[in-house]
Amino acid sequence: MPGYLLKSFEILTLLLFLATPFFLFRKKRFGTLVVMGMTLFSATIAELINEFVTQVTSYNPSFIFKAPHSEIPLFIIAGAALLSAGIFEGAVFADSCFRKQSRLRAMLFAFLLSIPLPLFEIMGIESGMWKWLHECNIYNPFWLFGVWKYYAFVISPAIIACFFRRAKMISEAEQTS
């Protein structure tokens, strides 16, 4: 992928990330804001582990905005927060299509929406955004953790929020009946 497309993608992701909290606050979607906050925290931890411990992924050096004292592009963490918020909103919407809402169903929808996430890893490698520093070694626990940690740290806040959001709505429904 040409450098100007990488930089455009990076800038658009960061601008969308900065605009999303204002939209969510205006629409009173506080659960999604919490999911974004949890994902910012967990994705930052995941990327710091990758940078200083497992060292599985190396990012393209042409990215403009990077975390201080590291080579982590900020759009990776911002994109994780947007992706997790999208998974949460999609799961809540899909569950609201049913007459009786369920925590387990919302969590299942969040998991189903996250199934295509490994394709993003492949697309990032093919487009030149990042690369794996070592050969695939499924027997090396550091390699496995380094590759799949990102998805676990992105998916878990959405699934946890689906569990607690549904619990709140179910208790409110019981009080009104």
N, C-alpha and C. Protein backbone atom coordinates (compact mmCIF):
# COMPACT_ATOMS: atom_id res chain seq x y z
N MET A 1 0.85 -1.17 0.00
CA MET A 1 0.00 0.00 0.00
C MET A 1 0.90 1.24 0.00
N PRO A 2 0.62 2.20 -0.86
CA PRO A 2 1.46 3.41 -0.91
C PRO A 2 1.43 4.17 0.42
N GLY A 3 2.50 4.90 0.67
CA GLY A 3 2.64 5.63 1.93
C GLY A 3 1.54 6.63 2.20
N TYR A 4 1.07 7.32 1.15
CA TYR A 4 0.03 8.33 1.39
C TYR A 4 -1.29 7.68 1.80
N LEU A 5 -1.55 6.44 1.34
CA LEU A 5 -2.76 5.76 1.77
C LEU A 5 -2.66 5.31 3.23
N LEU A 6 -1.47 4.85 3.63
CA LEU A 6 -1.27 4.47 5.02
C LEU A 6 -1.48 5.67 5.94
N LYS A 7 -0.90 6.80 5.57
CA LYS A 7 -1.03 8.01 6.40
C LYS A 7 -2.47 8.51 6.41
N SER A 8 -3.15 8.41 5.27
CA SER A 8 -4.56 8.83 5.21
C SER A 8 -5.42 7.94 6.10
N PHE A 9 -5.17 6.63 6.05
CA PHE A 9 -5.91 5.70 6.89
C PHE A 9 -5.66 5.99 8.37
N GLU A 10 -4.41 6.26 8.69
CA GLU A 10 -4.04 6.57 10.07
C GLU A 10 -4.76 7.84 10.55
N ILE A 11 -4.73 8.89 9.77
CA ILE A 11 -5.34 10.16 10.16
C ILE A 11 -6.85 10.03 10.24
N LEU A 12 -7.47 9.33 9.30
CA LEU A 12 -8.93 9.16 9.34
C LEU A 12 -9.36 8.35 10.56
N THR A 13 -8.60 7.32 10.91
CA THR A 13 -8.92 6.53 12.09
C THR A 13 -8.83 7.38 13.35
N LEU A 14 -7.77 8.17 13.46
CA LEU A 14 -7.62 9.02 14.65
C LEU A 14 -8.70 10.09 14.73
N LEU A 15 -9.07 10.68 13.59
CA LEU A 15 -10.14 11.69 13.60
C LEU A 15 -11.48 11.07 13.96
N LEU A 16 -11.76 9.89 13.44
CA LEU A 16 -13.01 9.20 13.80
C LEU A 16 -13.02 8.85 15.28
N PHE A 17 -11.86 8.44 15.79
CA PHE A 17 -11.76 8.12 17.21
C PHE A 17 -12.02 9.36 18.07
N LEU A 18 -11.50 10.50 17.66
CA LEU A 18 -11.71 11.73 18.43
C LEU A 18 -13.15 12.22 18.35
N ALA A 19 -13.83 11.98 17.24
CA ALA A 19 -15.21 12.46 17.07
C ALA A 19 -16.23 11.53 17.72
N THR A 20 -15.94 10.26 17.82
CA THR A 20 -16.91 9.28 18.33
C THR A 20 -17.38 9.56 19.75
N PRO A 21 -16.52 9.88 20.71
CA PRO A 21 -17.03 10.15 22.07
C PRO A 21 -18.03 11.30 22.12
N PHE A 22 -17.85 12.33 21.31
CA PHE A 22 -18.81 13.43 21.31
C PHE A 22 -20.18 12.95 20.82
N PHE A 23 -20.18 12.14 19.76
CA PHE A 23 -21.42 11.59 19.24
C PHE A 23 -22.09 10.69 20.26
N LEU A 24 -21.30 9.80 20.89
CA LEU A 24 -21.87 8.87 21.86
C LEU A 24 -22.39 9.60 23.10
N PHE A 25 -21.69 10.62 23.54
CA PHE A 25 -22.15 11.39 24.69
C PHE A 25 -23.45 12.12 24.36
N ARG A 26 -23.53 12.65 23.16
CA ARG A 26 -24.73 13.37 22.74
C ARG A 26 -25.94 12.43 22.64
N LYS A 27 -25.70 11.19 22.20
CA LYS A 27 -26.76 10.20 22.08
C LYS A 27 -27.00 9.42 23.38
N LYS A 28 -26.26 9.75 24.43
CA LYS A 28 -26.37 9.13 25.75
C LYS A 28 -26.10 7.62 25.71
N ARG A 29 -25.09 7.26 24.98
CA ARG A 29 -24.66 5.87 24.90
C ARG A 29 -23.44 5.69 25.80
N PHE A 30 -23.69 5.76 27.09
CA PHE A 30 -22.60 5.73 28.05
C PHE A 30 -21.95 4.35 28.15
N GLY A 31 -22.72 3.29 27.90
CA GLY A 31 -22.15 1.95 27.91
C GLY A 31 -21.07 1.79 26.84
N THR A 32 -21.32 2.37 25.67
CA THR A 32 -20.33 2.29 24.59
C THR A 32 -19.10 3.11 24.93
N LEU A 33 -19.30 4.24 25.61
CA LEU A 33 -18.14 5.03 26.05
C LEU A 33 -17.29 4.24 27.05
N VAL A 34 -17.95 3.50 27.93
CA VAL A 34 -17.21 2.66 28.89
C VAL A 34 -16.45 1.56 28.15
N VAL A 35 -17.08 0.96 27.15
CA VAL A 35 -16.39 -0.06 26.35
C VAL A 35 -15.17 0.53 25.67
N MET A 36 -15.30 1.72 25.12
CA MET A 36 -14.14 2.36 24.48
C MET A 36 -13.03 2.61 25.49
N GLY A 37 -13.39 3.07 26.68
CA GLY A 37 -12.38 3.31 27.71
C GLY A 37 -11.69 2.03 28.15
N MET A 38 -12.48 0.98 28.35
CA MET A 38 -11.88 -0.31 28.75
C MET A 38 -10.97 -0.84 27.66
N THR A 39 -11.37 -0.67 26.41
CA THR A 39 -10.55 -1.16 25.31
C THR A 39 -9.29 -0.33 25.13
N LEU A 40 -9.39 0.98 25.34
CA LEU A 40 -8.17 1.80 25.29
C LEU A 40 -7.15 1.29 26.30
N PHE A 41 -7.61 1.00 27.50
CA PHE A 41 -6.72 0.52 28.55
C PHE A 41 -6.15 -0.85 28.19
N SER A 42 -7.02 -1.79 27.79
CA SER A 42 -6.55 -3.15 27.52
C SER A 42 -5.70 -3.23 26.25
N ALA A 43 -6.06 -2.48 25.21
CA ALA A 43 -5.25 -2.51 23.97
C ALA A 43 -3.89 -1.86 24.19
N THR A 44 -3.84 -0.83 25.02
CA THR A 44 -2.55 -0.21 25.33
C THR A 44 -1.65 -1.21 26.05
N ILE A 45 -2.22 -1.93 27.00
CA ILE A 45 -1.44 -2.96 27.71
C ILE A 45 -0.96 -4.03 26.72
N ALA A 46 -1.85 -4.46 25.82
CA ALA A 46 -1.48 -5.49 24.85
C ALA A 46 -0.35 -5.01 23.95
N GLU A 47 -0.42 -3.78 23.49
CA GLU A 47 0.63 -3.26 22.61
C GLU A 47 1.94 -3.05 23.36
N LEU A 48 1.87 -2.65 24.61
CA LEU A 48 3.10 -2.51 25.40
C LEU A 48 3.75 -3.87 25.65
N ILE A 49 2.92 -4.89 25.87
CA ILE A 49 3.47 -6.25 26.02
C ILE A 49 4.14 -6.67 24.72
N ASN A 50 3.50 -6.36 23.59
CA ASN A 50 4.10 -6.71 22.30
C ASN A 50 5.41 -5.96 22.08
N GLU A 51 5.43 -4.71 22.44
CA GLU A 51 6.62 -3.87 22.19
C GLU A 51 7.81 -4.27 23.06
N PHE A 52 7.55 -4.58 24.32
CA PHE A 52 8.67 -4.76 25.25
C PHE A 52 8.88 -6.19 25.72
N VAL A 53 7.93 -7.12 25.47
CA VAL A 53 8.09 -8.49 25.96
C VAL A 53 8.12 -9.49 24.81
N THR A 54 7.01 -9.64 24.09
CA THR A 54 6.93 -10.70 23.09
C THR A 54 7.60 -10.31 21.78
N GLN A 55 7.53 -9.07 21.39
CA GLN A 55 8.14 -8.55 20.16
C GLN A 55 7.82 -9.42 18.94
N VAL A 56 6.53 -9.65 18.74
CA VAL A 56 6.08 -10.46 17.61
C VAL A 56 5.80 -9.59 16.39
N THR A 57 5.19 -8.43 16.60
CA THR A 57 4.75 -7.58 15.50
C THR A 57 5.63 -6.34 15.40
N SER A 58 5.99 -5.98 14.17
CA SER A 58 6.73 -4.75 13.90
C SER A 58 5.87 -3.89 12.98
N TYR A 59 5.75 -2.60 13.29
CA TYR A 59 4.89 -1.71 12.52
C TYR A 59 5.69 -0.95 11.47
N ASN A 60 5.00 -0.55 10.44
CA ASN A 60 5.60 0.23 9.36
C ASN A 60 6.15 1.54 9.96
N PRO A 61 7.39 1.90 9.67
CA PRO A 61 7.97 3.10 10.28
C PRO A 61 7.43 4.41 9.70
N SER A 62 6.61 4.36 8.65
CA SER A 62 6.14 5.60 8.03
C SER A 62 4.92 6.21 8.72
N PHE A 63 4.39 5.57 9.77
CA PHE A 63 3.25 6.14 10.47
C PHE A 63 3.67 7.43 11.18
N ILE A 64 2.76 8.39 11.24
CA ILE A 64 3.08 9.72 11.76
C ILE A 64 2.99 9.78 13.28
N PHE A 65 1.87 9.34 13.82
CA PHE A 65 1.61 9.49 15.26
C PHE A 65 1.91 8.19 15.98
N LYS A 66 2.91 8.25 16.87
CA LYS A 66 3.32 7.08 17.63
C LYS A 66 3.29 7.38 19.12
N ALA A 67 3.14 6.34 19.91
CA ALA A 67 3.17 6.50 21.36
C ALA A 67 4.57 6.94 21.78
N PRO A 68 4.66 7.78 22.81
CA PRO A 68 5.98 8.26 23.24
C PRO A 68 6.90 7.11 23.68
N HIS A 69 8.14 7.19 23.30
CA HIS A 69 9.20 6.25 23.67
C HIS A 69 8.93 4.83 23.17
N SER A 70 8.18 4.71 22.08
CA SER A 70 7.93 3.38 21.51
C SER A 70 7.66 3.54 20.01
N GLU A 71 7.47 2.43 19.37
CA GLU A 71 7.16 2.43 17.94
C GLU A 71 5.70 2.02 17.69
N ILE A 72 4.85 2.20 18.68
CA ILE A 72 3.44 1.80 18.57
C ILE A 72 2.65 2.92 17.90
N PRO A 73 2.06 2.67 16.74
CA PRO A 73 1.22 3.70 16.11
C PRO A 73 -0.06 3.90 16.93
N LEU A 74 -0.43 5.15 17.15
CA LEU A 74 -1.61 5.43 17.96
C LEU A 74 -2.91 4.97 17.30
N PHE A 75 -2.92 4.90 15.97
CA PHE A 75 -4.17 4.51 15.32
C PHE A 75 -4.51 3.04 15.60
N ILE A 76 -3.53 2.23 15.98
CA ILE A 76 -3.79 0.83 16.33
C ILE A 76 -4.66 0.77 17.59
N ILE A 77 -4.31 1.56 18.58
CA ILE A 77 -5.07 1.58 19.83
C ILE A 77 -6.42 2.25 19.62
N ALA A 78 -6.45 3.34 18.87
CA ALA A 78 -7.71 4.02 18.58
C ALA A 78 -8.62 3.13 17.75
N GLY A 79 -8.07 2.43 16.79
CA GLY A 79 -8.87 1.51 15.98
C GLY A 79 -9.43 0.37 16.81
N ALA A 80 -8.68 -0.09 17.79
CA ALA A 80 -9.17 -1.14 18.68
C ALA A 80 -10.39 -0.66 19.46
N ALA A 81 -10.32 0.58 19.97
CA ALA A 81 -11.45 1.12 20.72
C ALA A 81 -12.68 1.27 19.83
N LEU A 82 -12.48 1.72 18.60
CA LEU A 82 -13.61 1.85 17.66
C LEU A 82 -14.19 0.48 17.31
N LEU A 83 -13.32 -0.48 17.11
CA LEU A 83 -13.77 -1.83 16.76
C LEU A 83 -14.56 -2.46 17.89
N SER A 84 -14.07 -2.33 19.10
CA SER A 84 -14.76 -2.88 20.25
C SER A 84 -16.11 -2.19 20.47
N ALA A 85 -16.15 -0.88 20.29
CA ALA A 85 -17.42 -0.15 20.42
C ALA A 85 -18.40 -0.61 19.34
N GLY A 86 -17.91 -0.85 18.14
CA GLY A 86 -18.77 -1.34 17.07
C GLY A 86 -19.30 -2.73 17.35
N ILE A 87 -18.46 -3.59 17.90
CA ILE A 87 -18.91 -4.95 18.26
C ILE A 87 -19.97 -4.87 19.34
N PHE A 88 -19.77 -4.03 20.35
CA PHE A 88 -20.74 -3.87 21.43
C PHE A 88 -22.06 -3.33 20.90
N GLU A 89 -22.00 -2.27 20.10
CA GLU A 89 -23.24 -1.68 19.56
C GLU A 89 -23.96 -2.67 18.65
N GLY A 90 -23.21 -3.42 17.85
CA GLY A 90 -23.83 -4.41 16.98
C GLY A 90 -24.50 -5.53 17.76
N ALA A 91 -23.85 -5.98 18.82
CA ALA A 91 -24.42 -7.04 19.65
C ALA A 91 -25.68 -6.55 20.37
N VAL A 92 -25.65 -5.34 20.88
CA VAL A 92 -26.82 -4.79 21.56
C VAL A 92 -27.97 -4.61 20.58
N PHE A 93 -27.66 -4.12 19.38
CA PHE A 93 -28.70 -3.95 18.37
C PHE A 93 -29.31 -5.30 17.97
N ALA A 94 -28.45 -6.29 17.72
CA ALA A 94 -28.95 -7.60 17.31
C ALA A 94 -29.81 -8.22 18.40
N ASP A 95 -29.41 -8.06 19.65
CA ASP A 95 -30.19 -8.60 20.75
C ASP A 95 -31.51 -7.85 20.93
N SER A 96 -31.53 -6.57 20.62
CA SER A 96 -32.77 -5.79 20.78
C SER A 96 -33.82 -6.16 19.73
N CYS A 97 -33.42 -6.87 18.70
CA CYS A 97 -34.39 -7.30 17.69
C CYS A 97 -35.30 -8.42 18.20
N PHE A 98 -34.91 -9.05 19.30
CA PHE A 98 -35.72 -10.10 19.90
C PHE A 98 -36.64 -9.49 20.96
N ARG A 99 -37.78 -10.12 21.15
CA ARG A 99 -38.74 -9.57 22.11
C ARG A 99 -38.22 -9.63 23.54
N LYS A 100 -37.67 -10.78 23.92
CA LYS A 100 -37.09 -10.92 25.25
C LYS A 100 -35.58 -10.83 25.12
N GLN A 101 -34.99 -9.86 25.81
CA GLN A 101 -33.54 -9.67 25.70
C GLN A 101 -32.82 -10.58 26.69
N SER A 102 -31.62 -10.99 26.29
CA SER A 102 -30.88 -11.95 27.08
C SER A 102 -29.40 -11.57 27.13
N ARG A 103 -28.79 -11.72 28.31
CA ARG A 103 -27.35 -11.44 28.44
C ARG A 103 -26.53 -12.41 27.61
N LEU A 104 -26.89 -13.68 27.68
CA LEU A 104 -26.14 -14.70 26.97
C LEU A 104 -26.22 -14.48 25.46
N ARG A 105 -27.40 -14.12 24.96
CA ARG A 105 -27.54 -13.87 23.52
C ARG A 105 -26.72 -12.67 23.09
N ALA A 106 -26.70 -11.61 23.89
CA ALA A 106 -25.90 -10.43 23.55
C ALA A 106 -24.42 -10.77 23.53
N MET A 107 -23.98 -11.58 24.50
CA MET A 107 -22.58 -11.98 24.53
C MET A 107 -22.25 -12.87 23.33
N LEU A 108 -23.18 -13.73 22.94
CA LEU A 108 -22.99 -14.58 21.77
C LEU A 108 -22.89 -13.75 20.50
N PHE A 109 -23.75 -12.73 20.38
CA PHE A 109 -23.68 -11.85 19.21
C PHE A 109 -22.34 -11.11 19.18
N ALA A 110 -21.86 -10.66 20.33
CA ALA A 110 -20.56 -9.98 20.37
C ALA A 110 -19.45 -10.92 19.91
N PHE A 111 -19.52 -12.17 20.36
CA PHE A 111 -18.51 -13.14 19.93
C PHE A 111 -18.61 -13.41 18.43
N LEU A 112 -19.84 -13.57 17.92
CA LEU A 112 -20.02 -13.83 16.49
C LEU A 112 -19.54 -12.66 15.63
N LEU A 113 -19.76 -11.43 16.11
CA LEU A 113 -19.29 -10.27 15.35
C LEU A 113 -17.77 -10.17 15.35
N SER A 114 -17.12 -10.81 16.31
CA SER A 114 -15.66 -10.73 16.39
C SER A 114 -14.95 -11.86 15.64
N ILE A 115 -15.69 -12.79 15.08
CA ILE A 115 -15.06 -13.91 14.36
C ILE A 115 -14.18 -13.45 13.20
N PRO A 116 -14.58 -12.44 12.39
CA PRO A 116 -13.71 -12.05 11.28
C PRO A 116 -12.47 -11.22 11.67
N LEU A 117 -12.25 -10.96 12.96
CA LEU A 117 -11.12 -10.13 13.37
C LEU A 117 -9.75 -10.67 12.91
N PRO A 118 -9.50 -11.97 12.92
CA PRO A 118 -8.18 -12.42 12.42
C PRO A 118 -7.92 -12.05 10.96
N LEU A 119 -8.97 -11.81 10.19
CA LEU A 119 -8.76 -11.36 8.82
C LEU A 119 -8.10 -9.98 8.78
N PHE A 120 -8.35 -9.17 9.80
CA PHE A 120 -7.70 -7.85 9.88
C PHE A 120 -6.20 -8.01 10.03
N GLU A 121 -5.78 -9.03 10.76
CA GLU A 121 -4.35 -9.30 10.92
C GLU A 121 -3.71 -9.59 9.56
N ILE A 122 -4.37 -10.43 8.79
CA ILE A 122 -3.85 -10.79 7.47
C ILE A 122 -3.86 -9.58 6.54
N MET A 123 -4.94 -8.79 6.57
CA MET A 123 -5.01 -7.60 5.72
C MET A 123 -3.92 -6.60 6.10
N GLY A 124 -3.64 -6.45 7.39
CA GLY A 124 -2.59 -5.54 7.82
C GLY A 124 -1.22 -5.97 7.35
N ILE A 125 -0.97 -7.27 7.37
CA ILE A 125 0.31 -7.79 6.89
C ILE A 125 0.42 -7.61 5.38
N GLU A 126 -0.64 -7.94 4.66
CA GLU A 126 -0.60 -7.84 3.20
C GLU A 126 -0.50 -6.39 2.71
N SER A 127 -1.07 -5.46 3.47
CA SER A 127 -1.02 -4.05 3.06
C SER A 127 0.28 -3.36 3.48
N GLY A 128 1.08 -4.02 4.30
CA GLY A 128 2.34 -3.44 4.71
C GLY A 128 2.24 -2.57 5.96
N MET A 129 1.12 -2.63 6.66
CA MET A 129 0.99 -1.84 7.89
C MET A 129 1.86 -2.40 9.01
N TRP A 130 1.96 -3.70 9.08
CA TRP A 130 2.81 -4.35 10.07
C TRP A 130 3.28 -5.68 9.50
N LYS A 131 4.20 -6.30 10.22
CA LYS A 131 4.69 -7.62 9.82
C LYS A 131 5.06 -8.39 11.07
N TRP A 132 5.07 -9.70 10.93
CA TRP A 132 5.52 -10.55 12.02
C TRP A 132 7.03 -10.67 11.92
N LEU A 133 7.70 -10.51 13.04
CA LEU A 133 9.15 -10.55 13.04
C LEU A 133 9.70 -11.97 12.97
N HIS A 134 8.92 -12.94 13.39
CA HIS A 134 9.39 -14.32 13.42
C HIS A 134 8.44 -15.17 12.58
N GLU A 135 8.93 -16.32 12.19
CA GLU A 135 8.09 -17.26 11.46
C GLU A 135 6.97 -17.75 12.36
N CYS A 136 5.89 -18.21 11.74
CA CYS A 136 4.78 -18.79 12.50
C CYS A 136 5.30 -19.98 13.30
N ASN A 137 5.09 -19.95 14.58
CA ASN A 137 5.49 -21.05 15.44
C ASN A 137 4.38 -21.26 16.47
N ILE A 138 3.45 -22.13 16.14
CA ILE A 138 2.29 -22.29 17.01
C ILE A 138 2.64 -22.98 18.32
N TYR A 139 3.86 -23.50 18.45
CA TYR A 139 4.27 -24.15 19.69
C TYR A 139 4.96 -23.19 20.65
N ASN A 140 5.27 -22.00 20.19
CA ASN A 140 5.91 -21.02 21.04
C ASN A 140 4.84 -20.18 21.74
N PRO A 141 4.73 -20.25 23.07
CA PRO A 141 3.66 -19.50 23.75
C PRO A 141 3.80 -17.99 23.59
N PHE A 142 5.01 -17.46 23.48
CA PHE A 142 5.17 -16.01 23.27
C PHE A 142 4.63 -15.59 21.91
N TRP A 143 4.86 -16.43 20.89
CA TRP A 143 4.34 -16.09 19.57
C TRP A 143 2.82 -16.12 19.57
N LEU A 144 2.23 -17.16 20.16
CA LEU A 144 0.78 -17.25 20.23
C LEU A 144 0.18 -16.06 20.97
N PHE A 145 0.76 -15.74 22.12
CA PHE A 145 0.26 -14.61 22.89
C PHE A 145 0.45 -13.31 22.12
N GLY A 146 1.57 -13.16 21.48
CA GLY A 146 1.86 -11.93 20.75
C GLY A 146 0.92 -11.68 19.58
N VAL A 147 0.50 -12.75 18.91
CA VAL A 147 -0.38 -12.58 17.76
C VAL A 147 -1.84 -12.43 18.19
N TRP A 148 -2.29 -13.23 19.13
CA TRP A 148 -3.72 -13.28 19.45
C TRP A 148 -4.11 -12.41 20.63
N LYS A 149 -3.17 -11.81 21.32
CA LYS A 149 -3.50 -10.99 22.48
C LYS A 149 -4.37 -9.80 22.09
N TYR A 150 -4.09 -9.24 20.93
CA TYR A 150 -4.82 -8.05 20.50
C TYR A 150 -6.32 -8.34 20.42
N TYR A 151 -6.67 -9.49 19.85
CA TYR A 151 -8.08 -9.82 19.69
C TYR A 151 -8.74 -10.11 21.03
N ALA A 152 -8.03 -10.79 21.90
CA ALA A 152 -8.58 -11.05 23.23
C ALA A 152 -8.79 -9.75 24.00
N PHE A 153 -7.86 -8.81 23.85
CA PHE A 153 -7.98 -7.54 24.57
C PHE A 153 -9.01 -6.62 23.93
N VAL A 154 -9.37 -6.86 22.67
CA VAL A 154 -10.40 -6.05 22.00
C VAL A 154 -11.78 -6.65 22.22
N ILE A 155 -11.87 -7.97 22.18
CA ILE A 155 -13.16 -8.64 22.29
C ILE A 155 -13.68 -8.63 23.73
N SER A 156 -12.80 -8.86 24.70
CA SER A 156 -13.26 -9.03 26.09
C SER A 156 -14.00 -7.81 26.65
N PRO A 157 -13.59 -6.56 26.40
CA PRO A 157 -14.40 -5.45 26.94
C PRO A 157 -15.82 -5.41 26.38
N ALA A 158 -15.98 -5.76 25.10
CA ALA A 158 -17.32 -5.76 24.50
C ALA A 158 -18.19 -6.86 25.11
N ILE A 159 -17.62 -8.04 25.31
CA ILE A 159 -18.39 -9.15 25.87
C ILE A 159 -18.73 -8.88 27.33
N ILE A 160 -17.79 -8.34 28.10
CA ILE A 160 -18.05 -8.01 29.50
C ILE A 160 -19.14 -6.94 29.60
N ALA A 161 -19.07 -5.94 28.75
CA ALA A 161 -20.09 -4.88 28.77
C ALA A 161 -21.46 -5.42 28.37
N CYS A 162 -21.51 -6.36 27.43
CA CYS A 162 -22.80 -6.98 27.07
C CYS A 162 -23.39 -7.69 28.28
N PHE A 163 -22.56 -8.37 29.04
CA PHE A 163 -23.04 -9.07 30.23
C PHE A 163 -23.62 -8.09 31.24
N PHE A 164 -22.91 -7.02 31.54
CA PHE A 164 -23.39 -6.09 32.55
C PHE A 164 -24.52 -5.20 32.05
N ARG A 165 -24.55 -4.88 30.79
CA ARG A 165 -25.65 -4.07 30.25
C ARG A 165 -26.94 -4.86 30.29
N ARG A 166 -26.89 -6.09 29.92
CA ARG A 166 -28.09 -6.93 29.95
C ARG A 166 -28.55 -7.14 31.39
N ALA A 167 -27.64 -7.31 32.32
CA ALA A 167 -28.02 -7.51 33.72
C ALA A 167 -28.79 -6.29 34.22
N LYS A 168 -28.37 -5.11 33.85
CA LYS A 168 -29.04 -3.88 34.27
C LYS A 168 -30.44 -3.81 33.68
N MET A 169 -30.57 -4.12 32.38
CA MET A 169 -31.87 -4.03 31.72
C MET A 169 -32.83 -5.08 32.26
N ILE A 170 -32.36 -6.27 32.58
CA ILE A 170 -33.22 -7.33 33.11
C ILE A 170 -33.73 -6.95 34.49
N SER A 171 -32.85 -6.38 35.34
CA SER A 171 -33.30 -5.99 36.68
C SER A 171 -34.31 -4.83 36.61
N GLU A 172 -34.14 -3.92 35.65
CA GLU A 172 -35.11 -2.84 35.49
C GLU A 172 -36.46 -3.37 35.01
N ALA A 173 -36.45 -4.38 34.15
CA ALA A 173 -37.70 -4.97 33.66
C ALA A 173 -38.44 -5.70 34.77
N GLU A 174 -37.70 -6.34 35.67
CA GLU A 174 -38.33 -7.05 36.78
C GLU A 174 -38.97 -6.07 37.75
N GLN A 175 -38.37 -4.90 37.94
CA GLN A 175 -38.94 -3.91 38.85
C GLN A 175 -40.23 -3.31 38.33
N THR A 176 -40.37 -3.16 37.01
CA THR A 176 -41.55 -2.55 36.45
C THR A 176 -42.72 -3.52 36.37
N SER A 177 -42.46 -4.84 36.40
CA SER A 177 -43.56 -5.79 36.31
C SER A 177 -44.08 -6.26 37.63
